[in-house]
Protein backbone atom coordinates (compact mmCIF):
# COMPACT_ATOMS: atom_id res chain seq x y z
CA MET A 1 46.22 24.62 41.28
CA VAL A 2 44.40 23.65 38.09
CA LYS A 3 45.34 25.63 34.99
CA LYS A 4 42.59 27.63 33.22
CA LYS A 5 42.92 25.48 30.09
CA ASP A 6 42.52 22.28 32.11
CA GLU A 7 39.60 23.80 34.01
CA GLU A 8 37.83 24.46 30.72
CA LYS A 9 38.39 20.83 29.70
CA THR A 10 36.87 19.65 32.98
CA LYS A 11 33.88 21.97 32.56
CA ILE A 12 33.24 20.70 29.01
CA PHE A 13 33.47 17.07 30.21
CA THR A 14 30.99 17.78 33.03
CA ILE A 15 28.51 19.66 30.82
CA ILE A 16 28.57 17.04 28.02
CA SER A 17 28.12 14.22 30.56
CA PHE A 18 25.10 16.00 32.05
CA VAL A 19 23.57 16.66 28.60
CA LEU A 20 23.94 12.97 27.73
CA PHE A 21 22.32 12.03 31.04
CA ILE A 22 19.32 14.23 30.17
CA PHE A 23 19.23 12.92 26.58
CA PHE A 24 19.02 9.27 27.61
CA ILE A 25 16.65 9.69 30.54
CA LEU A 26 13.96 11.86 28.90
CA PRO A 27 11.07 9.75 27.51
CA GLN A 28 10.12 12.64 25.19
CA VAL A 29 13.31 12.02 23.20
CA HIS A 30 12.86 8.24 23.11
CA ASP A 31 10.62 7.82 20.02
CA TRP A 32 12.63 10.25 17.90
CA ALA A 33 15.97 8.68 18.87
CA ASN A 34 14.64 5.26 17.83
CA SER A 35 13.44 6.49 14.42
CA THR A 36 16.82 7.71 13.11
CA SER A 37 18.88 5.59 10.70
CA ILE A 38 21.41 5.05 13.51
CA LYS A 39 19.44 4.41 16.69
CA LEU A 40 20.44 6.65 19.59
CA HIS A 41 18.32 5.02 22.32
CA PHE A 42 17.68 1.47 23.42
CA CYS A 43 14.24 0.32 22.24
CA ASN A 44 13.33 -0.39 25.90
CA HIS A 45 13.32 2.91 27.82
CA ILE A 46 14.18 1.22 31.13
CA ALA A 47 17.51 0.23 29.55
CA CYS A 48 17.98 3.89 28.54
CA PHE A 49 17.34 4.90 32.16
CA PHE A 50 20.13 2.68 33.49
CA PHE A 51 22.44 3.81 30.67
CA SER A 52 21.76 7.46 31.57
CA LEU A 53 22.92 6.80 35.17
CA ILE A 54 26.41 6.07 33.85
CA PHE A 55 26.61 9.61 32.45
CA LEU A 56 25.17 10.98 35.67
CA SER A 57 28.15 9.31 37.37
CA PHE A 58 30.53 10.98 34.89
CA THR A 59 28.79 14.31 35.64
CA TYR A 60 29.41 13.78 39.36
CA ILE A 61 33.08 12.91 38.74
CA GLY A 62 33.54 16.09 36.69
CA TYR A 63 31.76 18.16 39.32
CA LYS A 64 34.02 16.82 42.09
CA HIS A 65 37.12 17.68 40.04
CA LEU A 66 35.84 21.23 39.50
CA LYS A 67 35.01 21.65 43.17
CA LYS A 68 38.48 20.49 44.23
CA LYS A 69 40.02 22.48 41.36
CA LYS A 70 41.67 19.32 40.02
CA GLU A 71 42.28 18.48 36.39
CA ILE A 72 40.08 15.69 34.94
CA LYS A 73 42.29 12.85 33.77
CA ASP A 74 42.31 11.91 30.10
CA SER A 75 41.54 8.36 31.14
CA TRP A 76 38.09 9.44 32.39
CA ILE A 77 37.39 11.18 29.07
CA GLY A 78 38.50 8.05 27.22
CA ILE A 79 36.27 5.82 29.35
CA ALA A 80 33.25 8.10 28.73
CA ILE A 81 33.85 8.05 24.95
CA VAL A 82 34.19 4.26 24.91
CA VAL A 83 31.01 3.83 26.97
CA LEU A 84 29.09 6.10 24.58
CA ILE A 85 30.35 4.31 21.44
CA VAL A 86 29.70 0.84 22.89
CA GLY A 87 26.25 1.96 24.06
CA ILE A 88 25.27 3.24 20.59
CA PHE A 89 26.61 0.00 19.08
CA LEU A 90 24.42 -2.06 21.47
CA MET A 91 21.42 0.17 20.73
CA ASN A 92 21.70 -0.82 17.08
CA MET A 93 22.18 -4.50 17.94
CA THR A 94 19.01 -4.81 20.03
CA VAL A 95 15.34 -5.03 19.07
CA CYS A 96 12.14 -5.10 21.12
CA ASP A 97 8.84 -6.87 20.66
CA SER A 98 5.47 -5.21 21.24
CA SER A 99 5.61 -6.02 24.97
CA GLY A 100 8.91 -4.18 25.38
CA ASN A 101 11.04 -7.31 25.74
CA MET A 102 14.52 -6.58 24.42
CA TYR A 103 16.71 -8.97 22.44
CA PHE A 104 20.15 -8.94 20.90
CA SER A 105 19.87 -9.53 17.15
CA PHE A 106 22.77 -10.65 14.93
CA ASP A 107 23.15 -12.76 11.78
CA GLY A 108 19.43 -13.55 11.76
CA GLU A 109 19.59 -14.99 15.30
CA THR A 110 18.08 -13.47 18.47
CA MET A 111 19.01 -13.83 22.13
CA TYR A 112 16.74 -12.78 24.98
CA MET A 113 18.18 -9.79 26.84
CA TYR A 114 15.62 -7.99 28.99
CA GLY A 115 11.90 -7.99 29.85
CA GLU A 116 9.26 -10.39 31.10
CA SER A 117 9.05 -13.94 29.73
CA ASP A 118 6.06 -14.77 27.55
CA VAL A 119 3.59 -17.64 27.58
CA CYS A 120 2.31 -18.58 24.13
CA LYS A 121 -1.42 -17.99 24.41
CA PRO A 122 -3.92 -15.47 22.98
CA GLY A 123 -3.06 -11.93 23.96
CA THR A 124 0.63 -12.61 24.61
CA SER A 125 3.70 -12.66 22.37
CA CYS A 126 5.50 -15.78 21.13
CA GLU A 127 9.00 -15.65 19.68
CA VAL A 128 9.43 -16.99 16.15
CA PRO A 129 12.37 -19.41 15.74
CA THR A 130 13.69 -17.66 12.62
CA PRO A 131 13.07 -13.88 12.52
CA PRO A 132 11.74 -11.81 10.91
CA CYS A 133 8.16 -12.89 11.54
CA LEU A 134 6.34 -13.59 8.25
CA GLU A 135 2.67 -14.41 7.61
CA THR A 136 0.61 -15.33 4.58
CA ASP A 137 -2.33 -13.00 5.19
CA ASP A 138 -2.37 -9.28 5.98
CA GLY A 139 -2.07 -9.04 9.77
CA GLN A 140 -5.38 -9.08 11.64
CA ASP A 141 -7.37 -10.06 8.57
CA TYR A 142 -10.29 -12.06 9.95
CA LYS A 143 -11.80 -12.72 6.52
CA SER A 144 -8.69 -14.46 5.15
CA TYR A 145 -7.02 -17.68 6.24
CA GLY A 146 -3.34 -17.25 7.08
CA GLU A 147 -0.31 -18.91 8.58
CA ILE A 148 2.64 -17.70 10.66
CA LEU A 149 5.86 -18.86 8.97
CA SER A 150 9.43 -18.20 10.23
CA GLY A 151 9.66 -21.65 11.80
CA ALA A 152 6.56 -21.24 13.96
CA ASN A 153 4.27 -22.82 11.34
CA VAL A 154 0.97 -22.14 13.10
CA GLU A 155 -2.27 -21.19 11.35
CA ASP A 156 -5.58 -19.41 11.81
CA ILE A 157 -8.06 -21.97 13.13
CA CYS A 158 -11.76 -22.29 13.99
CA LEU A 159 -12.39 -23.17 17.64
CA ALA A 160 -14.99 -25.54 19.06
CA ASN A 161 -17.28 -22.60 19.93
CA ASP A 162 -17.22 -21.53 16.25
CA ASN A 163 -14.90 -18.61 17.04
CA LEU A 164 -11.80 -17.75 15.01
CA ARG A 165 -8.30 -17.83 16.50
CA GLU A 166 -6.49 -15.22 14.39
CA ARG A 167 -2.70 -15.34 14.53
CA TYR A 168 -0.58 -12.41 13.33
CA CYS A 169 2.91 -10.91 13.62
CA ASN A 170 3.09 -8.16 16.22
CA SER A 171 6.81 -7.44 15.77
CA GLU A 172 9.74 -8.61 13.70
CA LEU A 173 10.51 -11.17 16.38
CA THR A 174 7.15 -12.34 17.67
CA TYR A 175 3.61 -13.32 16.80
CA THR A 176 0.46 -13.34 18.90
CA SER A 177 -3.19 -14.35 18.53
CA GLU A 178 -6.69 -13.30 19.46
CA ASP A 179 -10.03 -15.09 19.55
CA ILE A 180 -12.79 -13.49 17.44
CA ASP A 181 -16.52 -14.14 17.46
CA CYS A 182 -17.27 -13.74 13.73
CA ALA A 183 -20.99 -13.06 14.33
CA GLU A 184 -20.16 -10.39 16.92
CA GLU A 185 -17.53 -8.83 14.67
CA TYR A 186 -19.50 -8.76 11.40
CA GLY A 187 -23.12 -9.58 12.21
CA GLU A 188 -25.63 -12.39 11.99
CA ASN A 189 -24.90 -15.27 9.60
CA TRP A 190 -21.11 -14.83 9.88
CA LEU A 191 -19.41 -18.09 10.85
CA CYS A 192 -15.87 -19.42 11.20
CA GLU A 193 -15.00 -21.81 8.39
CA GLU A 194 -11.55 -23.12 7.44
CA GLY A 195 -9.68 -20.56 9.52
CA GLU A 196 -11.57 -17.44 8.42
CA CYS A 197 -14.83 -15.57 9.02
CA ARG A 198 -17.34 -16.19 6.22
CA TYR A 199 -20.83 -14.97 5.44
CA SER A 200 -23.27 -17.88 5.27
CA THR A 201 -26.89 -17.57 4.14
CA ALA A 202 -29.33 -20.46 4.17
CA PRO A 203 -31.08 -20.90 0.79
CA PRO A 204 -34.78 -19.87 0.49
CA PRO A 205 -37.31 -22.62 1.29
CA ASP A 206 -37.80 -25.47 -1.22
CA THR A 207 -34.93 -24.47 -3.49
CA GLU A 208 -31.14 -24.43 -3.72
CA ASP A 209 -31.15 -21.99 -6.65
CA THR A 210 -30.73 -18.64 -4.85
CA SER A 211 -29.70 -16.83 -8.04
CA ALA A 212 -32.93 -17.79 -9.83
CA LEU A 213 -35.17 -16.58 -6.98
CA CYS A 214 -33.15 -13.38 -6.63
CA SER A 215 -33.66 -12.39 -10.25
CA ASP A 216 -37.23 -13.49 -11.13
CA GLY A 217 -39.01 -10.26 -10.15
CA LEU A 218 -41.22 -12.08 -7.56
CA ASP A 219 -41.65 -11.91 -3.80
CA ASN A 220 -40.95 -15.60 -3.26
CA ASP A 221 -41.16 -15.64 0.56
CA ASP A 222 -43.98 -13.07 0.99
CA ASP A 223 -41.90 -10.67 3.09
CA GLY A 224 -42.65 -7.61 0.91
CA SER A 225 -39.19 -7.54 -0.73
CA ILE A 226 -38.39 -8.51 -4.29
CA ASP A 227 -35.17 -10.00 -5.64
CA CYS A 228 -32.04 -8.28 -4.31
CA GLU A 229 -34.03 -5.98 -2.03
CA ASP A 230 -34.65 -9.13 0.02
CA THR A 231 -32.02 -9.71 2.71
CA ASP A 232 -32.28 -13.46 2.04
CA CYS A 233 -30.48 -12.87 -1.24
CA SER A 234 -26.73 -13.03 -0.74
CA ASP A 235 -24.39 -10.09 -1.29
CA ASP A 236 -22.21 -12.35 -3.48
CA PHE A 237 -25.05 -12.45 -6.01
CA CYS A 238 -26.73 -9.11 -5.49
CA GLU A 239 -23.80 -6.71 -5.34
CA CYS A 240 -22.72 -5.43 -8.76
CA GLY A 241 -20.51 -8.15 -10.16
CA HIS A 242 -22.42 -11.42 -9.99
CA GLY A 243 -21.44 -13.65 -12.84
CA SER A 244 -18.19 -11.68 -13.31
CA LEU A 245 -16.11 -14.87 -13.48
CA VAL A 246 -17.53 -15.72 -16.89
CA GLU A 247 -16.34 -13.99 -20.06
CA PRO A 248 -17.81 -11.63 -20.91
CA PRO A 249 -19.25 -10.97 -17.42
CA GLU A 250 -23.02 -11.12 -16.98
CA CYS A 251 -23.45 -8.04 -14.81
CA GLY A 252 -26.38 -7.40 -12.50
CA GLY A 253 -27.20 -6.68 -8.86
CA ARG A 254 -27.28 -3.75 -6.50
CA CYS A 255 -25.57 -0.39 -6.96
CA PRO A 256 -25.93 2.89 -5.01
CA THR A 257 -28.87 5.12 -5.88
CA GLY A 258 -28.18 6.92 -9.16
CA GLU A 259 -25.96 4.15 -10.57
CA TYR A 260 -26.45 0.89 -12.43
CA CYS A 261 -24.34 -2.25 -12.90
CA ALA A 262 -22.60 -2.72 -16.26
CA GLU A 263 -19.51 -4.27 -17.86
CA TYR A 264 -16.24 -2.34 -17.48
CA VAL A 265 -13.81 -3.08 -20.33
CA THR A 266 -10.04 -2.48 -20.31
CA ASP A 267 -7.36 -3.49 -22.82
CA SER A 268 -6.69 -6.76 -20.96
CA SER A 269 -9.79 -7.72 -18.96
CA SER A 270 -13.37 -6.83 -18.02
CA TRP A 271 -15.48 -6.88 -14.88
CA CYS A 272 -18.70 -5.42 -13.48
CA GLU A 273 -18.77 -1.83 -12.21
CA CYS A 274 -21.41 0.62 -10.96
CA VAL A 275 -21.91 3.30 -13.66
CA PRO A 276 -23.65 6.66 -13.07
CA ASP A 277 -27.16 6.88 -14.51
CA GLY A 278 -27.18 8.58 -17.90
CA GLU A 279 -23.61 7.52 -18.71
CA THR A 280 -22.69 4.93 -21.35
CA PRO A 281 -19.83 2.61 -20.33
CA CYS A 282 -16.75 3.14 -22.45
CA GLY A 283 -16.83 -0.44 -23.76
CA SER A 284 -20.38 0.07 -25.05
CA SER A 285 -19.71 3.40 -26.75
CA ASN A 286 -18.78 3.82 -30.42
CA PRO A 287 -15.72 5.62 -31.77
CA ASN A 288 -16.53 9.10 -33.03
CA LEU A 289 -15.26 9.31 -36.62
CA GLY A 290 -12.71 6.64 -35.72
CA ILE A 291 -10.79 9.11 -33.55
CA ASP A 292 -12.11 9.30 -30.01
CA CYS A 293 -14.43 7.41 -27.67
CA ASP A 294 -16.70 9.32 -25.29
CA GLY A 295 -17.92 6.59 -22.90
CA TRP A 296 -17.61 6.57 -19.09
CA CYS A 297 -14.51 5.34 -17.24
CA LEU A 298 -13.37 5.51 -13.62
CA ASP A 299 -11.58 8.71 -12.58
CA THR A 300 -8.16 7.08 -12.91
CA ASP A 301 -8.82 5.87 -16.51
CA PHE A 302 -9.87 7.40 -19.82
CA CYS A 303 -11.79 6.03 -22.78
CA VAL A 304 -9.64 5.28 -25.85
CA HIS A 305 -10.07 3.78 -29.32
CA ASP A 306 -8.65 0.34 -30.19
CA TYR A 307 -7.82 0.72 -33.89
CA ASP A 308 -7.38 -3.03 -34.38
CA SER A 309 -10.88 -3.96 -33.21
CA ASP A 310 -12.46 -0.54 -33.79
CA ASN A 311 -13.87 -0.67 -30.22
CA CYS A 312 -13.52 1.52 -27.16
CA TYR A 313 -11.95 0.54 -23.83
CA CYS A 314 -10.81 2.16 -20.55
CA ASN A 315 -7.08 2.62 -20.11
CA SER A 316 -4.98 4.00 -17.26
CA TRP A 317 -1.85 4.75 -19.32
CA HIS A 318 -0.75 8.38 -19.21
CA CYS A 319 -0.24 8.69 -22.97
CA ILE A 320 -1.23 6.53 -25.96
CA ASP A 321 -0.17 7.15 -29.57
CA SER A 322 -2.79 5.87 -32.02
CA ASP A 323 -0.39 5.63 -34.99
CA GLY A 324 2.17 3.68 -32.95
CA GLY A 325 4.96 6.25 -32.69
CA TYR A 326 6.96 8.51 -34.96
CA TYR A 327 5.32 8.06 -38.38
CA PRO A 328 4.98 11.48 -40.07
CA GLU A 329 3.44 9.92 -43.19
CA VAL A 330 0.57 8.46 -41.11
CA ALA A 331 -2.16 10.58 -39.50
CA GLY A 332 -2.70 9.90 -35.82
CA CYS A 333 -3.71 11.20 -32.41
CA VAL A 334 -2.47 10.88 -28.83
CA TYR A 335 -4.71 10.26 -25.84
CA TRP A 336 -3.50 12.18 -22.82
CA GLU A 337 -5.43 14.46 -20.47
CA ASP A 338 -7.32 15.24 -23.66
CA ILE A 339 -7.20 14.02 -27.27
CA GLU A 340 -4.82 15.85 -29.59
CA CYS A 341 -3.98 14.91 -33.18
CA ASP A 342 -1.03 15.55 -35.50
CA TYR A 343 -1.48 18.97 -37.14
CA CYS A 344 -0.01 21.25 -39.82
CA ASN A 345 2.07 24.13 -38.51
CA SER A 346 2.53 25.48 -42.05
CA GLN A 347 2.15 24.24 -45.61
CA ASP A 348 5.38 22.26 -45.36
CA GLU A 349 5.74 21.65 -41.60
CA LEU A 350 3.94 18.90 -39.67
CA ILE A 351 3.72 18.72 -35.88
CA GLU A 352 3.95 14.95 -35.28
CA LEU A 353 2.79 13.98 -31.78
CA THR A 354 4.42 11.01 -30.05
CA CYS A 355 4.27 9.79 -26.46
CA THR A 356 6.88 9.91 -23.74
CA GLU A 357 6.19 7.85 -20.61
CA THR A 358 3.88 10.51 -19.21
CA GLU A 359 2.93 13.09 -21.83
CA PRO A 360 2.95 13.98 -25.55
CA TYR A 361 6.06 15.18 -27.34
CA TYR A 362 5.71 17.63 -30.26
CA ASN A 363 8.07 16.80 -33.16
CA GLU A 364 8.60 19.43 -35.87
CA VAL A 365 8.83 17.67 -39.26
CA ASP A 366 9.75 19.30 -42.59
CA CYS A 367 7.63 17.29 -45.05
CA THR A 368 9.95 18.11 -47.95
CA ILE A 369 12.49 15.62 -46.53
CA PHE A 370 10.29 12.90 -48.05
CA GLY A 371 10.33 14.55 -51.48
CA ASP A 372 10.05 17.96 -53.12
CA ASN A 373 6.34 17.42 -53.81
CA TYR A 374 5.49 16.51 -50.21
CA VAL A 375 3.41 18.95 -48.15
CA CYS A 376 1.44 18.81 -44.88
CA LEU A 377 -2.08 17.47 -45.44
CA ASP A 378 -5.15 17.32 -43.20
CA SER A 379 -7.53 14.40 -42.63
CA LYS A 380 -10.26 13.54 -40.14
CA PHE A 381 -7.69 11.34 -38.31
CA GLY A 382 -5.11 14.12 -38.01
CA SER A 383 -2.49 15.60 -40.35
CA TYR A 384 0.38 13.89 -42.18
CA CYS A 385 3.12 14.42 -44.75
CA GLY A 386 1.94 13.39 -48.21
CA VAL A 387 1.66 14.31 -51.87
CA SER A 388 -1.15 16.68 -52.60
CA GLU A 389 -3.55 15.72 -55.34
CA PRO A 390 -3.41 17.94 -58.44
């Protein structure tokens, strides 16, 4: 006769075994269990299915002991615990490619474990000799030439029919490829050249100088379209930005309705950008009283004053201190969400603004520390500690 305490142990063993059977066999749990830091499922669900049958067997063993009112031996409990620990260890030692093939992975090496073998051709997966799979372009990027590294050393190529064979990593262990018709993917005049899809436009009749004919104000081919309105003029020239490789850029070309193409100036570079009609680009605006600039910048930037050159430029920094930091005897302003200058809090106290990494900091300064005759004075550039004139 089994004791009540031993019967409880057998019941717990049976219930836990059945719960583990359900946990490993349910596909609804599979994705979640593979996303945890310690994986709790094999990446291939068929492997999970066979693993779950082991716990179904433990459930049956526990059930038989309950039915016969026999105590479950500790050896069975030990075996179940070992199987679970070893299983979780193997789950974290295996990886799957996009086709579901499962491999053991250790010390940078892989060994085929389960799934269907692959043939290296477009649409199928090919194992890289040295995982993880690395490539020089960004996945299925048809407009950029790329190579698969990791020991495979294969590249994007143009085929005899002028199609592109694009190779890309489809898992950490494998790469694959697909054949792309560039014209079908992007439209007429798109060809495969040097392992990438490129737009190619034949020059207008009797001339090689496309840029000259696309900026002379004439309908050179009598099709009713002038300059960049003509589809014969290339996007490389006509989109806002042509000539942007020269310094300063010579901007021109198409922009959306209500915008025009102009130079966009930052503290370190310049390029061409579409500017809303009626706005003056920051780089073309003039400082207002030497304090602020009111020209247009992109939403992520704001227009600031370069005191060295006395020009305006767009900057994405969160906070800029015009006087260079903590200098109470120098008037200055900070550029933040708005422009705010040093100011007098009282006759003797100056609020000196400096910048943290993200926002202004308000320093309270007693001007008399510089001398008994020092007070807080105002100027058009902000306030400062100084000696008042008699």
